[in-house]
Amino acid sequence: MRYTIRLEGLEALGGAATVVAPENPLPVAAGATRATSVFVLLPRSAFTAGERRITVRIRDDRGAEQTVPYRLLGPTDAPAAVSPPTPAP
């Protein structure tokens, strides 16, 4: 069986969101358990009060689906100003 992972709630960002799922769909043998990771790269502006709510949708080859609400954590404030390095004496 193979399971496809989809993240919903990022569409409004257009091309600003990058989702990396190294193994998608994820093959899982009968009676087995597998784990995987999904990486989400978003601009600072995609977060409100340090979070962005999305939905993780998992679907198998037979069409069965499960959706899970998820909260991505991110920056909560404006970017800090970066000072140029001080030259060594």
PDB file of N, CA and C in Angstrom:
ATOM      1  N   MET A   1       0.859  -1.178   0.000  1.00  0.00           N
ATOM      2  CA  MET A   1       0.000   0.000   0.000  1.00  0.00           C
ATOM      3  C   MET A   1       0.897   1.230   0.000  1.00  0.00           C
ATOM      4  N   ARG A   2       0.451   2.249  -0.693  1.00  0.00           N
ATOM      5  CA  ARG A   2       1.180   3.517  -0.704  1.00  0.00           C
ATOM      6  C   ARG A   2       0.285   4.617  -0.153  1.00  0.00           C
ATOM      7  N   TYR A   3       0.891   5.528   0.595  1.00  0.00           N
ATOM      8  CA  TYR A   3       0.171   6.632   1.222  1.00  0.00           C
ATOM      9  C   TYR A   3       0.730   7.956   0.699  1.00  0.00           C
ATOM     10  N   THR A   4      -0.156   8.801   0.202  1.00  0.00           N
ATOM     11  CA  THR A   4       0.238  10.109  -0.321  1.00  0.00           C
ATOM     12  C   THR A   4      -0.071  11.173   0.727  1.00  0.00           C
ATOM     13  N   ILE A   5       0.891  12.058   0.956  1.00  0.00           N
ATOM     14  CA  ILE A   5       0.750  13.128   1.947  1.00  0.00           C
ATOM     15  C   ILE A   5       0.584  14.446   1.209  1.00  0.00           C
ATOM     16  N   ARG A   6      -0.445  15.184   1.572  1.00  0.00           N
ATOM     17  CA  ARG A   6      -0.694  16.506   0.998  1.00  0.00           C
ATOM     18  C   ARG A   6      -0.899  17.501   2.113  1.00  0.00           C
ATOM     19  N   LEU A   7      -0.343  18.696   1.954  1.00  0.00           N
ATOM     20  CA  LEU A   7      -0.549  19.762   2.929  1.00  0.00           C
ATOM     21  C   LEU A   7      -1.476  20.797   2.322  1.00  0.00           C
ATOM     22  N   GLU A   8      -2.519  21.138   3.046  1.00  0.00           N
ATOM     23  CA  GLU A   8      -3.489  22.135   2.580  1.00  0.00           C
ATOM     24  C   GLU A   8      -3.430  23.351   3.490  1.00  0.00           C
ATOM     25  N   GLY A   9      -3.670  24.517   2.908  1.00  0.00           N
ATOM     26  CA  GLY A   9      -3.620  25.747   3.673  1.00  0.00           C
ATOM     27  C   GLY A   9      -2.412  26.585   3.304  1.00  0.00           C
ATOM     28  N   LEU A  10      -1.696  26.159   2.275  1.00  0.00           N
ATOM     29  CA  LEU A  10      -0.527  26.900   1.805  1.00  0.00           C
ATOM     30  C   LEU A  10      -0.766  27.511   0.422  1.00  0.00           C
ATOM     31  N   GLU A  11      -1.909  27.205  -0.180  1.00  0.00           N
ATOM     32  CA  GLU A  11      -2.198  27.638  -1.551  1.00  0.00           C
ATOM     33  C   GLU A  11      -2.163  29.154  -1.709  1.00  0.00           C
ATOM     34  N   ALA A  12      -2.631  29.876  -0.709  1.00  0.00           N
ATOM     35  CA  ALA A  12      -2.701  31.341  -0.786  1.00  0.00           C
ATOM     36  C   ALA A  12      -1.323  31.981  -0.883  1.00  0.00           C
ATOM     37  N   LEU A  13      -0.283  31.219  -0.549  1.00  0.00           N
ATOM     38  CA  LEU A  13       1.072  31.755  -0.590  1.00  0.00           C
ATOM     39  C   LEU A  13       1.690  31.659  -1.979  1.00  0.00           C
ATOM     40  N   GLY A  14       0.979  31.014  -2.896  1.00  0.00           N
ATOM     41  CA  GLY A  14       1.510  30.868  -4.247  1.00  0.00           C
ATOM     42  C   GLY A  14       2.797  30.068  -4.224  1.00  0.00           C
ATOM     43  N   GLY A  15       3.804  30.568  -4.908  1.00  0.00           N
ATOM     44  CA  GLY A  15       5.081  29.872  -4.978  1.00  0.00           C
ATOM     45  C   GLY A  15       5.984  30.135  -3.790  1.00  0.00           C
ATOM     46  N   ALA A  16       5.505  30.853  -2.779  1.00  0.00           N
ATOM     47  CA  ALA A  16       6.350  31.185  -1.624  1.00  0.00           C
ATOM     48  C   ALA A  16       6.534  30.008  -0.673  1.00  0.00           C
ATOM     49  N   ALA A  17       5.703  28.989  -0.783  1.00  0.00           N
ATOM     50  CA  ALA A  17       5.805  27.824   0.105  1.00  0.00           C
ATOM     51  C   ALA A  17       6.556  26.708  -0.613  1.00  0.00           C
ATOM     52  N   THR A  18       7.476  26.079   0.103  1.00  0.00           N
ATOM     53  CA  THR A  18       8.193  24.922  -0.436  1.00  0.00           C
ATOM     54  C   THR A  18       7.942  23.754   0.512  1.00  0.00           C
ATOM     55  N   VAL A  19       7.448  22.656  -0.047  1.00  0.00           N
ATOM     56  CA  VAL A  19       7.202  21.450   0.741  1.00  0.00           C
ATOM     57  C   VAL A  19       8.138  20.367   0.214  1.00  0.00           C
ATOM     58  N   VAL A  20       8.901  19.776   1.125  1.00  0.00           N
ATOM     59  CA  VAL A  20       9.825  18.707   0.761  1.00  0.00           C
ATOM     60  C   VAL A  20       9.407  17.451   1.516  1.00  0.00           C
ATOM     61  N   ALA A  21       9.018  16.442   0.761  1.00  0.00           N
ATOM     62  CA  ALA A  21       8.654  15.142   1.338  1.00  0.00           C
ATOM     63  C   ALA A  21       9.535  14.111   0.640  1.00  0.00           C
ATOM     64  N   PRO A  22      10.619  13.678   1.287  1.00  0.00           N
ATOM     65  CA  PRO A  22      11.580  12.802   0.635  1.00  0.00           C
ATOM     66  C   PRO A  22      10.977  11.529   0.027  1.00  0.00           C
ATOM     67  N   GLU A  23       9.939  10.995   0.640  1.00  0.00           N
ATOM     68  CA  GLU A  23       9.302   9.787   0.123  1.00  0.00           C
ATOM     69  C   GLU A  23       7.796   9.999   0.092  1.00  0.00           C
ATOM     70  N   ASN A  24       7.299  10.394  -1.073  1.00  0.00           N
ATOM     71  CA  ASN A  24       5.869  10.674  -1.203  1.00  0.00           C
ATOM     72  C   ASN A  24       5.435  10.317  -2.617  1.00  0.00           C
ATOM     73  N   PRO A  25       4.654   9.257  -2.790  1.00  0.00           N
ATOM     74  CA  PRO A  25       3.959   8.479  -1.771  1.00  0.00           C
ATOM     75  C   PRO A  25       4.906   7.569  -0.984  1.00  0.00           C
ATOM     76  N   LEU A  26       4.457   7.231   0.218  1.00  0.00           N
ATOM     77  CA  LEU A  26       5.231   6.406   1.135  1.00  0.00           C
ATOM     78  C   LEU A  26       4.735   4.961   1.050  1.00  0.00           C
ATOM     79  N   PRO A  27       5.592   4.027   0.608  1.00  0.00           N
ATOM     80  CA  PRO A  27       5.167   2.622   0.565  1.00  0.00           C
ATOM     81  C   PRO A  27       5.218   2.002   1.964  1.00  0.00           C
ATOM     82  N   VAL A  28       4.174   1.248   2.291  1.00  0.00           N
ATOM     83  CA  VAL A  28       4.116   0.572   3.590  1.00  0.00           C
ATOM     84  C   VAL A  28       3.637  -0.860   3.332  1.00  0.00           C
ATOM     85  N   ALA A  29       4.457  -1.812   3.719  1.00  0.00           N
ATOM     86  CA  ALA A  29       4.100  -3.221   3.528  1.00  0.00           C
ATOM     87  C   ALA A  29       2.951  -3.601   4.465  1.00  0.00           C
ATOM     88  N   ALA A  30       2.170  -4.589   4.057  1.00  0.00           N
ATOM     89  CA  ALA A  30       1.051  -5.063   4.877  1.00  0.00           C
ATOM     90  C   ALA A  30       1.545  -5.450   6.261  1.00  0.00           C
ATOM     91  N   GLY A  31       0.898  -4.943   7.305  1.00  0.00           N
ATOM     92  CA  GLY A  31       1.241  -5.251   8.683  1.00  0.00           C
ATOM     93  C   GLY A  31       2.428  -4.464   9.222  1.00  0.00           C
ATOM     94  N   ALA A  32       3.024  -3.618   8.384  1.00  0.00           N
ATOM     95  CA  ALA A  32       4.207  -2.853   8.806  1.00  0.00           C
ATOM     96  C   ALA A  32       3.812  -1.442   9.225  1.00  0.00           C
ATOM     97  N   THR A  33       4.747  -0.775   9.873  1.00  0.00           N
ATOM     98  CA  THR A  33       4.593   0.624  10.257  1.00  0.00           C
ATOM     99  C   THR A  33       5.774   1.387   9.688  1.00  0.00           C
ATOM    100  N   ARG A  34       5.521   2.575   9.141  1.00  0.00           N
ATOM    101  CA  ARG A  34       6.597   3.418   8.605  1.00  0.00           C
ATOM    102  C   ARG A  34       6.423   4.826   9.138  1.00  0.00           C
ATOM    103  N   ALA A  35       7.518   5.537   9.215  1.00  0.00           N
ATOM    104  CA  ALA A  35       7.506   6.952   9.587  1.00  0.00           C
ATOM    105  C   ALA A  35       8.250   7.723   8.510  1.00  0.00           C
ATOM    106  N   THR A  36       7.863   8.971   8.328  1.00  0.00           N
ATOM    107  CA  THR A  36       8.547   9.825   7.361  1.00  0.00           C
ATOM    108  C   THR A  36       8.533  11.249   7.884  1.00  0.00           C
ATOM    109  N   SER A  37       9.218  12.125   7.183  1.00  0.00           N
ATOM    110  CA  SER A  37       9.252  13.540   7.555  1.00  0.00           C
ATOM    111  C   SER A  37       8.770  14.375   6.384  1.00  0.00           C
ATOM    112  N   VAL A  38       8.216  15.521   6.718  1.00  0.00           N
ATOM    113  CA  VAL A  38       7.836  16.512   5.716  1.00  0.00           C
ATOM    114  C   VAL A  38       8.399  17.841   6.193  1.00  0.00           C
ATOM    115  N   PHE A  39       9.104  18.529   5.316  1.00  0.00           N
ATOM    116  CA  PHE A  39       9.703  19.814   5.650  1.00  0.00           C
ATOM    117  C   PHE A  39       8.943  20.914   4.933  1.00  0.00           C
ATOM    118  N   VAL A  40       8.625  21.978   5.641  1.00  0.00           N
ATOM    119  CA  VAL A  40       7.876  23.091   5.074  1.00  0.00           C
ATOM    120  C   VAL A  40       8.698  24.364   5.256  1.00  0.00           C
ATOM    121  N   LEU A  41       9.003  25.014   4.154  1.00  0.00           N
ATOM    122  CA  LEU A  41       9.747  26.273   4.180  1.00  0.00           C
ATOM    123  C   LEU A  41       8.799  27.392   3.779  1.00  0.00           C
ATOM    124  N   LEU A  42       8.654  28.372   4.663  1.00  0.00           N
ATOM    125  CA  LEU A  42       7.735  29.481   4.429  1.00  0.00           C
ATOM    126  C   LEU A  42       8.426  30.806   4.721  1.00  0.00           C
ATOM    127  N   PRO A  43       7.984  31.861   4.047  1.00  0.00           N
ATOM    128  CA  PRO A  43       8.522  33.174   4.395  1.00  0.00           C
ATOM    129  C   PRO A  43       7.974  33.618   5.750  1.00  0.00           C
ATOM    130  N   ARG A  44       8.678  34.493   6.402  1.00  0.00           N
ATOM    131  CA  ARG A  44       8.279  35.030   7.703  1.00  0.00           C
ATOM    132  C   ARG A  44       6.846  35.578   7.651  1.00  0.00           C
ATOM    133  N   SER A  45       6.489  36.178   6.548  1.00  0.00           N
ATOM    134  CA  SER A  45       5.159  36.804   6.423  1.00  0.00           C
ATOM    135  C   SER A  45       4.017  35.784   6.410  1.00  0.00           C
ATOM    136  N   ALA A  46       4.319  34.501   6.272  1.00  0.00           N
ATOM    137  CA  ALA A  46       3.278  33.467   6.239  1.00  0.00           C
ATOM    138  C   ALA A  46       2.729  33.145   7.628  1.00  0.00           C
ATOM    139  N   PHE A  47       3.388  33.646   8.672  1.00  0.00           N
ATOM    140  CA  PHE A  47       2.994  33.334  10.039  1.00  0.00           C
ATOM    141  C   PHE A  47       2.271  34.505  10.685  1.00  0.00           C
ATOM    142  N   THR A  48       1.255  34.189  11.466  1.00  0.00           N
ATOM    143  CA  THR A  48       0.535  35.184  12.256  1.00  0.00           C
ATOM    144  C   THR A  48       0.697  34.787  13.712  1.00  0.00           C
ATOM    145  N   ALA A  49       1.247  35.692  14.500  1.00  0.00           N
ATOM    146  CA  ALA A  49       1.490  35.413  15.926  1.00  0.00           C
ATOM    147  C   ALA A  49       2.296  34.131  16.115  1.00  0.00           C
ATOM    148  N   GLY A  50       3.233  33.885  15.195  1.00  0.00           N
ATOM    149  CA  GLY A  50       4.127  32.745  15.338  1.00  0.00           C
ATOM    150  C   GLY A  50       3.583  31.406  14.901  1.00  0.00           C
ATOM    151  N   GLU A  51       2.453  31.393  14.190  1.00  0.00           N
ATOM    152  CA  GLU A  51       1.921  30.103  13.747  1.00  0.00           C
ATOM    153  C   GLU A  51       1.195  30.231  12.413  1.00  0.00           C
ATOM    154  N   ARG A  52       1.032  29.078  11.766  1.00  0.00           N
ATOM    155  CA  ARG A  52       0.201  28.975  10.569  1.00  0.00           C
ATOM    156  C   ARG A  52      -0.505  27.630  10.659  1.00  0.00           C
ATOM    157  N   ARG A  53      -1.799  27.676  10.563  1.00  0.00           N
ATOM    158  CA  ARG A  53      -2.596  26.443  10.650  1.00  0.00           C
ATOM    159  C   ARG A  53      -2.766  25.857   9.254  1.00  0.00           C
ATOM    160  N   ILE A  54      -2.512  24.548   9.162  1.00  0.00           N
ATOM    161  CA  ILE A  54      -2.663  23.831   7.903  1.00  0.00           C
ATOM    162  C   ILE A  54      -3.425  22.537   8.176  1.00  0.00           C
ATOM    163  N   THR A  55      -3.694  21.799   7.120  1.00  0.00           N
ATOM    164  CA  THR A  55      -4.300  20.478   7.236  1.00  0.00           C
ATOM    165  C   THR A  55      -3.396  19.484   6.531  1.00  0.00           C
ATOM    166  N   VAL A  56      -3.087  18.386   7.195  1.00  0.00           N
ATOM    167  CA  VAL A  56      -2.328  17.302   6.593  1.00  0.00           C
ATOM    168  C   VAL A  56      -3.350  16.273   6.115  1.00  0.00           C
ATOM    169  N   ARG A  57      -3.303  15.960   4.826  1.00  0.00           N
ATOM    170  CA  ARG A  57      -4.232  14.983   4.247  1.00  0.00           C
ATOM    171  C   ARG A  57      -3.429  13.773   3.793  1.00  0.00           C
ATOM    172  N   ILE A  58      -3.797  12.603   4.296  1.00  0.00           N
ATOM    173  CA  ILE A  58      -3.124  11.354   3.949  1.00  0.00           C
ATOM    174  C   ILE A  58      -4.144  10.471   3.240  1.00  0.00           C
ATOM    175  N   ARG A  59      -3.743   9.956   2.073  1.00  0.00           N
ATOM    176  CA  ARG A  59      -4.661   9.146   1.260  1.00  0.00           C
ATOM    177  C   ARG A  59      -3.935   7.881   0.823  1.00  0.00           C
ATOM    178  N   ASP A  60      -4.632   6.753   0.890  1.00  0.00           N
ATOM    179  CA  ASP A  60      -4.013   5.507   0.443  1.00  0.00           C
ATOM    180  C   ASP A  60      -4.415   5.189  -0.993  1.00  0.00           C
ATOM    181  N   ASP A  61      -3.833   4.117  -1.536  1.00  0.00           N
ATOM    182  CA  ASP A  61      -4.089   3.713  -2.927  1.00  0.00           C
ATOM    183  C   ASP A  61      -5.548   3.378  -3.195  1.00  0.00           C
ATOM    184  N   ARG A  62      -6.267   2.997  -2.168  1.00  0.00           N
ATOM    185  CA  ARG A  62      -7.679   2.625  -2.335  1.00  0.00           C
ATOM    186  C   ARG A  62      -8.618   3.819  -2.242  1.00  0.00           C
ATOM    187  N   GLY A  63      -8.078   4.990  -1.878  1.00  0.00           N
ATOM    188  CA  GLY A  63      -8.909   6.191  -1.791  1.00  0.00           C
ATOM    189  C   GLY A  63      -9.339   6.565  -0.386  1.00  0.00           C
ATOM    190  N   ALA A  64      -8.964   5.756   0.612  1.00  0.00           N
ATOM    191  CA  ALA A  64      -9.292   6.109   2.005  1.00  0.00           C
ATOM    192  C   ALA A  64      -8.444   7.310   2.404  1.00  0.00           C
ATOM    193  N   GLU A  65      -9.053   8.248   3.123  1.00  0.00           N
ATOM    194  CA  GLU A  65      -8.371   9.482   3.499  1.00  0.00           C
ATOM    195  C   GLU A  65      -8.508   9.779   4.972  1.00  0.00           C
ATOM    196  N   GLN A  66      -7.513  10.455   5.478  1.00  0.00           N
ATOM    197  CA  GLN A  66      -7.570  10.976   6.841  1.00  0.00           C
ATOM    198  C   GLN A  66      -7.005  12.388   6.796  1.00  0.00           C
ATOM    199  N   THR A  67      -7.682  13.319   7.471  1.00  0.00           N
ATOM    200  CA  THR A  67      -7.166  14.684   7.564  1.00  0.00           C
ATOM    201  C   THR A  67      -6.886  15.003   9.026  1.00  0.00           C
ATOM    202  N   VAL A  68      -5.786  15.727   9.223  1.00  0.00           N
ATOM    203  CA  VAL A  68      -5.361  16.073  10.572  1.00  0.00           C
ATOM    204  C   VAL A  68      -5.002  17.555  10.588  1.00  0.00           C
ATOM    205  N   PRO A  69      -5.639  18.361  11.444  1.00  0.00           N
ATOM    206  CA  PRO A  69      -5.231  19.760  11.556  1.00  0.00           C
ATOM    207  C   PRO A  69      -3.844  19.826  12.194  1.00  0.00           C
ATOM    208  N   TYR A  70      -3.029  20.777  11.728  1.00  0.00           N
ATOM    209  CA  TYR A  70      -1.667  20.880  12.242  1.00  0.00           C
ATOM    210  C   TYR A  70      -1.281  22.343  12.350  1.00  0.00           C
ATOM    211  N   ARG A  71      -0.489  22.666  13.345  1.00  0.00           N
ATOM    212  CA  ARG A  71      -0.046  24.038  13.568  1.00  0.00           C
ATOM    213  C   ARG A  71       1.457  24.122  13.323  1.00  0.00           C
ATOM    214  N   LEU A  72       1.839  24.843  12.269  1.00  0.00           N
ATOM    215  CA  LEU A  72       3.256  25.087  12.010  1.00  0.00           C
ATOM    216  C   LEU A  72       3.701  26.246  12.882  1.00  0.00           C
ATOM    217  N   LEU A  73       4.850  26.109  13.511  1.00  0.00           N
ATOM    218  CA  LEU A  73       5.379  27.179  14.347  1.00  0.00           C
ATOM    219  C   LEU A  73       6.444  27.949  13.577  1.00  0.00           C
ATOM    220  N   GLY A  74       6.453  29.265  13.767  1.00  0.00           N
ATOM    221  CA  GLY A  74       7.412  30.105  13.067  1.00  0.00           C
ATOM    222  C   GLY A  74       7.724  31.343  13.869  1.00  0.00           C
ATOM    223  N   PRO A  75       8.315  32.329  13.207  1.00  0.00           N
ATOM    224  CA  PRO A  75       8.712  33.553  13.908  1.00  0.00           C
ATOM    225  C   PRO A  75       7.508  34.320  14.445  1.00  0.00           C
ATOM    226  N   THR A  76       7.723  34.974  15.574  1.00  0.00           N
ATOM    227  CA  THR A  76       6.644  35.731  16.197  1.00  0.00           C
ATOM    228  C   THR A  76       6.850  37.232  16.116  1.00  0.00           C
ATOM    229  N   ASP A  77       8.010  37.660  15.673  1.00  0.00           N
ATOM    230  CA  ASP A  77       8.279  39.093  15.632  1.00  0.00           C
ATOM    231  C   ASP A  77       8.969  39.478  14.335  1.00  0.00           C
ATOM    232  N   ALA A  78       9.213  40.768  14.176  1.00  0.00           N
ATOM    233  CA  ALA A  78       9.907  41.266  12.993  1.00  0.00           C
ATOM    234  C   ALA A  78      11.351  40.804  13.036  1.00  0.00           C
ATOM    235  N   PRO A  79      11.960  40.663  11.866  1.00  0.00           N
ATOM    236  CA  PRO A  79      13.352  40.224  11.848  1.00  0.00           C
ATOM    237  C   PRO A  79      14.265  41.225  12.559  1.00  0.00           C
ATOM    238  N   ALA A  80      15.212  40.700  13.288  1.00  0.00           N
ATOM    239  CA  ALA A  80      16.176  41.572  13.992  1.00  0.00           C
ATOM    240  C   ALA A  80      17.159  42.139  12.999  1.00  0.00           C
ATOM    241  N   ALA A  81      17.562  43.346  13.235  1.00  0.00           N
ATOM    242  CA  ALA A  81      18.569  43.967  12.374  1.00  0.00           C
ATOM    243  C   ALA A  81      19.900  43.265  12.616  1.00  0.00           C
ATOM    244  N   VAL A  82      20.614  43.014  11.543  1.00  0.00           N
ATOM    245  CA  VAL A  82      21.900  42.360  11.657  1.00  0.00           C
ATOM    246  C   VAL A  82      22.975  43.414  11.512  1.00  0.00           C
ATOM    247  N   SER A  83      23.828  43.506  12.521  1.00  0.00           N
ATOM    248  CA  SER A  83      24.927  44.477  12.479  1.00  0.00           C
ATOM    249  C   SER A  83      26.094  43.896  11.697  1.00  0.00           C
ATOM    250  N   PRO A  84      26.794  44.732  10.955  1.00  0.00           N
ATOM    251  CA  PRO A  84      27.980  44.220  10.257  1.00  0.00           C
ATOM    252  C   PRO A  84      29.037  43.801  11.270  1.00  0.00           C
ATOM    253  N   PRO A  85      29.862  42.835  10.912  1.00  0.00           N
ATOM    254  CA  PRO A  85      30.885  42.380  11.844  1.00  0.00           C
ATOM    255  C   PRO A  85      31.870  43.499  12.178  1.00  0.00           C
ATOM    256  N   THR A  86      32.365  43.479  13.400  1.00  0.00           N
ATOM    257  CA  THR A  86      33.354  44.462  13.834  1.00  0.00           C
ATOM    258  C   THR A  86      34.737  43.966  13.408  1.00  0.00           C
ATOM    259  N   PRO A  87      35.514  44.822  12.721  1.00  0.00           N
ATOM    260  CA  PRO A  87      36.851  44.365  12.290  1.00  0.00           C
ATOM    261  C   PRO A  87      37.734  44.071  13.504  1.00  0.00           C
ATOM    262  N   ALA A  88      38.555  43.065  13.346  1.00  0.00           N
ATOM    263  CA  ALA A  88      39.496  42.698  14.420  1.00  0.00           C
ATOM    264  C   ALA A  88      40.573  43.787  14.533  1.00  0.00           C
ATOM    265  N   PRO A  89      41.050  44.076  15.761  1.00  0.00           N
ATOM    266  CA  PRO A  89      42.088  45.106  15.917  1.00  0.00           C
ATOM    267  C   PRO A  89      43.415  44.668  15.349  1.00  0.00           C
TER     268      PRO A  89
END
